[in-house]
Amino acid sequence: MTRPAARTTGALTAVAIAGAVAALLAGCATAPHDGTDAGPAPRATAGTLGTGFSDPDHPPAPEATITPAPGSWSGVHPPADYRVVLLSDRGDTRDSAAARTLVDAVDSWAAAEDVTVTEVEAATPDDRIAAVTRAVHEGADLVVSVGNDMVDPVAAVSPTALHQPFLVLGAEIAEPTSNVTAADWTGGGFRGEGLGPSSHYDPSTFTDERAGRALRAGVAAALHDLSGTVVWVD
């Protein structure tokens, strides 16, 4: 996978990141997308999780990894009028076949499920954190982040926007808050600039079938209040 050599997010200090995020979110609050800054309203789920998705008697702890039984998410579909933001980095989707596969998976799923998708793209490395705040400002039911270059920006912004559910597809953030779910597999595993790809990272594992399967499993978890976890789909 080809990625920009320099990452602005990695170069920022924690204080600078926090200040930038606070300023951007404050700016968004002055002109909310739909007249309110309360975030997406609660949604009823369509369908139920199958046996083996998780243990209902022992809910996963925050940041836990769950490994759903194959197909246990098949009966779950987004409710009517479900709205998603597809968050990506222009350079990543241009240069990385893996990132493009993730984008295609979201588009195919949305077409099949009649989901409205709004695309929010970081135009440059300097625009990544601002892109996440723009995504939050859309007030969608779910922000789906694709591509390694958006992992650090999502990690920086998501703790300040706990009302907004996120799904990180094909990667993880190191310390997810309760509003961030990851859908990953052996061969994925990027966890941010400070950690880099895991030892098993393999872009060739980013196939249409696996990306689509991970997306559906991750959405099922988010719809059933199993957020803040990693959904493993090997």
Protein backbone atom coordinates (compact mmCIF):
# COMPACT_ATOMS: atom_id res chain seq x y z
CA MET A 1 0.00 0.00 0.00
CA THR A 2 1.36 3.44 -0.91
CA ARG A 3 0.70 6.16 1.60
CA PRO A 4 1.97 9.73 1.93
CA ALA A 5 5.43 9.77 3.45
CA ALA A 6 4.54 12.40 6.02
CA ARG A 7 1.52 12.36 8.32
CA THR A 8 0.49 15.69 9.74
CA THR A 9 -1.53 14.08 12.52
CA GLY A 10 1.46 12.11 13.77
CA ALA A 11 3.50 15.30 13.92
CA LEU A 12 1.02 17.19 16.07
CA THR A 13 1.37 17.13 19.83
CA ALA A 14 -1.54 15.86 21.90
CA VAL A 15 -2.26 19.43 23.05
CA ALA A 16 -2.28 20.75 19.51
CA ILE A 17 -4.61 17.98 18.35
CA ALA A 18 -7.01 18.61 21.20
CA GLY A 19 -7.01 22.33 20.50
CA ALA A 20 -7.58 21.84 16.79
CA VAL A 21 -10.44 19.43 17.38
CA ALA A 22 -12.12 21.70 19.92
CA ALA A 23 -11.87 24.69 17.59
CA LEU A 24 -13.22 22.79 14.62
CA LEU A 25 -16.13 21.30 16.55
CA ALA A 26 -16.95 24.71 17.98
CA GLY A 27 -17.00 26.10 14.46
CA CYS A 28 -19.32 23.34 13.31
CA ALA A 29 -21.70 24.04 16.17
CA THR A 30 -22.35 27.53 14.81
CA ALA A 31 -24.02 26.17 11.68
CA PRO A 32 -25.32 22.65 12.24
CA HIS A 33 -26.36 20.56 9.27
CA ASP A 34 -29.98 20.02 10.28
CA GLY A 35 -30.68 22.84 12.70
CA THR A 36 -29.52 20.95 15.78
CA ASP A 37 -26.20 19.80 17.19
CA ALA A 38 -27.68 16.96 19.21
CA GLY A 39 -26.38 14.26 16.89
CA PRO A 40 -28.30 11.38 15.33
CA ALA A 41 -31.51 10.27 16.98
CA PRO A 42 -31.74 6.72 18.35
CA ARG A 43 -32.82 4.21 15.70
CA ALA A 44 -34.65 0.91 15.99
CA THR A 45 -32.86 -2.00 14.40
CA ALA A 46 -34.36 -4.06 11.62
CA GLY A 47 -33.78 -7.71 12.36
CA THR A 48 -32.00 -9.55 15.13
CA LEU A 49 -28.56 -10.95 15.69
CA GLY A 50 -28.21 -14.66 15.09
CA THR A 51 -26.90 -17.20 17.54
CA GLY A 52 -23.18 -16.86 18.11
CA PHE A 53 -22.76 -13.19 17.31
CA SER A 54 -22.01 -12.51 20.97
CA ASP A 55 -23.01 -13.87 24.35
CA PRO A 56 -26.06 -11.89 25.54
CA ASP A 57 -25.51 -13.10 29.09
CA HIS A 58 -21.96 -11.77 29.13
CA PRO A 59 -21.79 -8.54 27.09
CA PRO A 60 -18.30 -7.71 25.84
CA ALA A 61 -16.25 -5.32 27.91
CA PRO A 62 -15.21 -1.99 26.38
CA GLU A 63 -12.42 -2.44 23.80
CA ALA A 64 -13.00 -6.21 23.76
CA THR A 65 -12.71 -8.25 20.58
CA ILE A 66 -15.69 -10.37 19.60
CA THR A 67 -15.63 -13.04 16.89
CA PRO A 68 -19.18 -13.54 15.62
CA ALA A 69 -20.21 -16.88 14.18
CA PRO A 70 -20.22 -16.70 10.36
CA GLY A 71 -23.49 -15.30 9.08
CA SER A 72 -24.82 -14.42 12.54
CA TRP A 73 -25.25 -10.84 11.31
CA SER A 74 -27.21 -11.79 8.18
CA GLY A 75 -30.61 -11.05 9.70
CA VAL A 76 -29.70 -7.46 10.62
CA HIS A 77 -30.47 -4.64 8.21
CA PRO A 78 -30.36 -0.88 8.69
CA PRO A 79 -33.72 0.72 9.47
CA ALA A 80 -35.52 2.87 6.92
CA ASP A 81 -33.94 6.24 6.16
CA TYR A 82 -30.58 5.16 7.62
CA ARG A 83 -27.89 7.70 6.79
CA VAL A 84 -24.16 7.02 6.61
CA VAL A 85 -21.13 9.21 6.06
CA LEU A 86 -18.31 7.54 4.12
CA LEU A 87 -15.11 9.12 5.46
CA SER A 88 -11.89 8.73 3.48
CA ASP A 89 -8.64 10.38 2.46
CA ARG A 90 -8.27 11.36 -1.19
CA GLY A 91 -4.64 10.30 -1.40
CA ASP A 92 -5.31 6.94 0.24
CA THR A 93 -8.21 6.02 -2.01
CA ARG A 94 -6.23 7.15 -5.04
CA ASP A 95 -3.06 5.21 -4.21
CA SER A 96 -4.31 2.19 -2.26
CA ALA A 97 -6.23 -0.71 -3.79
CA ALA A 98 -7.16 -1.81 -0.25
CA ALA A 99 -8.79 1.54 0.52
CA ARG A 100 -10.68 1.51 -2.79
CA THR A 101 -11.99 -1.97 -1.98
CA LEU A 102 -13.39 -0.65 1.29
CA VAL A 103 -15.07 2.26 -0.48
CA ASP A 104 -16.62 -0.13 -3.01
CA ALA A 105 -17.89 -2.34 -0.17
CA VAL A 106 -19.69 0.59 1.44
CA ASP A 107 -21.20 1.65 -1.89
CA SER A 108 -22.40 -1.89 -2.70
CA TRP A 109 -23.88 -2.40 0.75
CA ALA A 110 -25.63 0.97 0.67
CA ALA A 111 -27.18 0.24 -2.73
CA ALA A 112 -28.41 -3.16 -1.56
CA GLU A 113 -29.83 -1.81 1.71
CA ASP A 114 -31.19 1.51 0.38
CA VAL A 115 -28.90 3.47 2.67
CA THR A 116 -28.17 7.13 2.00
CA VAL A 117 -24.42 7.78 1.80
CA THR A 118 -22.74 11.17 2.04
CA GLU A 119 -19.07 11.19 1.10
CA VAL A 120 -16.66 13.28 3.16
CA GLU A 121 -13.10 13.26 1.87
CA ALA A 122 -9.92 14.73 3.28
CA ALA A 123 -8.36 16.63 0.39
CA THR A 124 -4.87 16.79 1.91
CA PRO A 125 -3.08 15.46 4.99
CA ASP A 126 -3.69 18.81 6.68
CA ASP A 127 -7.43 18.38 6.08
CA ARG A 128 -7.89 15.01 7.81
CA ILE A 129 -9.00 16.18 11.25
CA ALA A 130 -11.24 18.80 9.68
CA ALA A 131 -12.76 16.08 7.50
CA VAL A 132 -13.71 14.05 10.57
CA THR A 133 -15.39 17.07 12.13
CA ARG A 134 -17.26 17.69 8.86
CA ALA A 135 -18.41 14.08 8.98
CA VAL A 136 -19.69 14.52 12.54
CA HIS A 137 -21.43 17.73 11.52
CA GLU A 138 -23.52 15.79 8.98
CA GLY A 139 -25.46 14.25 11.88
CA ALA A 140 -25.62 10.84 10.19
CA ASP A 141 -26.57 7.62 11.93
CA LEU A 142 -23.07 6.21 11.36
CA VAL A 143 -19.70 7.46 10.11
CA VAL A 144 -17.82 4.69 8.30
CA SER A 145 -14.10 5.45 8.14
CA VAL A 146 -12.02 3.68 5.48
CA GLY A 147 -8.28 3.72 4.87
CA ASN A 148 -5.31 3.77 7.22
CA ASP A 149 -4.77 7.51 6.85
CA MET A 150 -8.02 8.31 8.68
CA VAL A 151 -7.32 6.16 11.75
CA ASP A 152 -5.42 8.80 13.74
CA PRO A 153 -7.86 11.61 12.91
CA VAL A 154 -10.82 9.46 14.01
CA ALA A 155 -8.95 8.60 17.22
CA ALA A 156 -8.37 12.32 17.85
CA VAL A 157 -11.93 13.51 17.20
CA SER A 158 -14.19 10.65 18.33
CA PRO A 159 -13.72 11.18 22.11
CA THR A 160 -15.03 14.76 21.69
CA ALA A 161 -18.09 13.60 19.74
CA LEU A 162 -19.49 10.76 21.84
CA HIS A 163 -22.95 11.27 20.37
CA GLN A 164 -21.70 10.17 16.95
CA PRO A 165 -21.28 6.44 16.20
CA PHE A 166 -18.22 5.51 14.12
CA LEU A 167 -17.28 2.30 12.34
CA VAL A 168 -13.62 1.87 11.39
CA LEU A 169 -13.52 -0.65 8.56
CA GLY A 170 -10.44 -2.81 8.00
CA ALA A 171 -8.44 -1.14 10.79
CA GLU A 172 -8.69 -0.23 14.48
CA ILE A 173 -7.93 2.64 16.79
CA ALA A 174 -5.71 1.91 19.75
CA GLU A 175 -8.07 3.10 22.51
CA PRO A 176 -11.62 3.30 21.16
CA THR A 177 -14.26 5.20 23.07
CA SER A 178 -17.76 3.79 23.45
CA ASN A 179 -18.92 5.31 20.15
CA VAL A 180 -16.26 3.62 17.98
CA THR A 181 -16.59 0.10 16.59
CA ALA A 182 -13.95 -1.56 14.42
CA ALA A 183 -14.48 -4.37 11.94
CA ASP A 184 -11.22 -6.15 11.20
CA TRP A 185 -9.61 -9.44 10.21
CA THR A 186 -6.24 -11.16 10.04
CA GLY A 187 -4.46 -9.16 7.38
CA GLY A 188 -5.96 -5.86 8.49
CA GLY A 189 -4.79 -4.38 11.76
CA PHE A 190 -3.47 -0.84 11.25
CA ARG A 191 -3.92 0.92 14.61
CA GLY A 192 -2.48 4.38 14.05
CA GLU A 193 0.71 6.26 13.33
CA GLY A 194 2.32 5.47 16.67
CA LEU A 195 1.73 1.73 16.33
CA GLY A 196 1.77 1.14 12.58
CA PRO A 197 0.47 -2.00 10.90
CA SER A 198 0.40 -5.16 12.94
CA SER A 199 2.82 -7.93 12.02
CA HIS A 200 0.09 -9.76 10.10
CA TYR A 201 -0.89 -6.77 7.93
CA ASP A 202 -1.52 -7.93 4.35
CA PRO A 203 -3.25 -5.64 1.81
CA SER A 204 -4.07 -8.66 -0.36
CA THR A 205 -6.62 -9.75 2.26
CA PHE A 206 -8.76 -6.72 1.43
CA THR A 207 -11.11 -8.55 -0.91
CA ASP A 208 -14.61 -7.48 -1.91
CA GLU A 209 -16.13 -10.45 -0.08
CA ARG A 210 -14.23 -9.91 3.17
CA ALA A 211 -14.76 -6.16 3.21
CA GLY A 212 -18.48 -6.60 2.64
CA ARG A 213 -18.71 -9.24 5.35
CA ALA A 214 -16.83 -7.08 7.85
CA LEU A 215 -18.98 -4.07 7.04
CA ARG A 216 -22.23 -5.95 7.65
CA ALA A 217 -20.94 -7.45 10.89
CA GLY A 218 -19.69 -4.08 12.11
CA VAL A 219 -22.97 -2.34 11.30
CA ALA A 220 -24.87 -5.13 13.08
CA ALA A 221 -22.75 -4.56 16.19
CA ALA A 222 -23.30 -0.81 16.07
CA LEU A 223 -27.06 -1.22 15.64
CA HIS A 224 -27.25 -3.57 18.63
CA ASP A 225 -25.31 -1.44 21.12
CA LEU A 226 -22.12 -3.49 20.88
CA SER A 227 -20.06 -0.44 19.98
CA GLY A 228 -16.68 0.26 21.49
CA THR A 229 -15.54 -3.22 20.44
CA VAL A 230 -13.52 -4.85 17.68
CA VAL A 231 -15.59 -7.20 15.51
CA TRP A 232 -13.29 -9.88 14.08
CA VAL A 233 -14.53 -11.58 10.92
CA ASP A 234 -11.95 -14.24 9.91
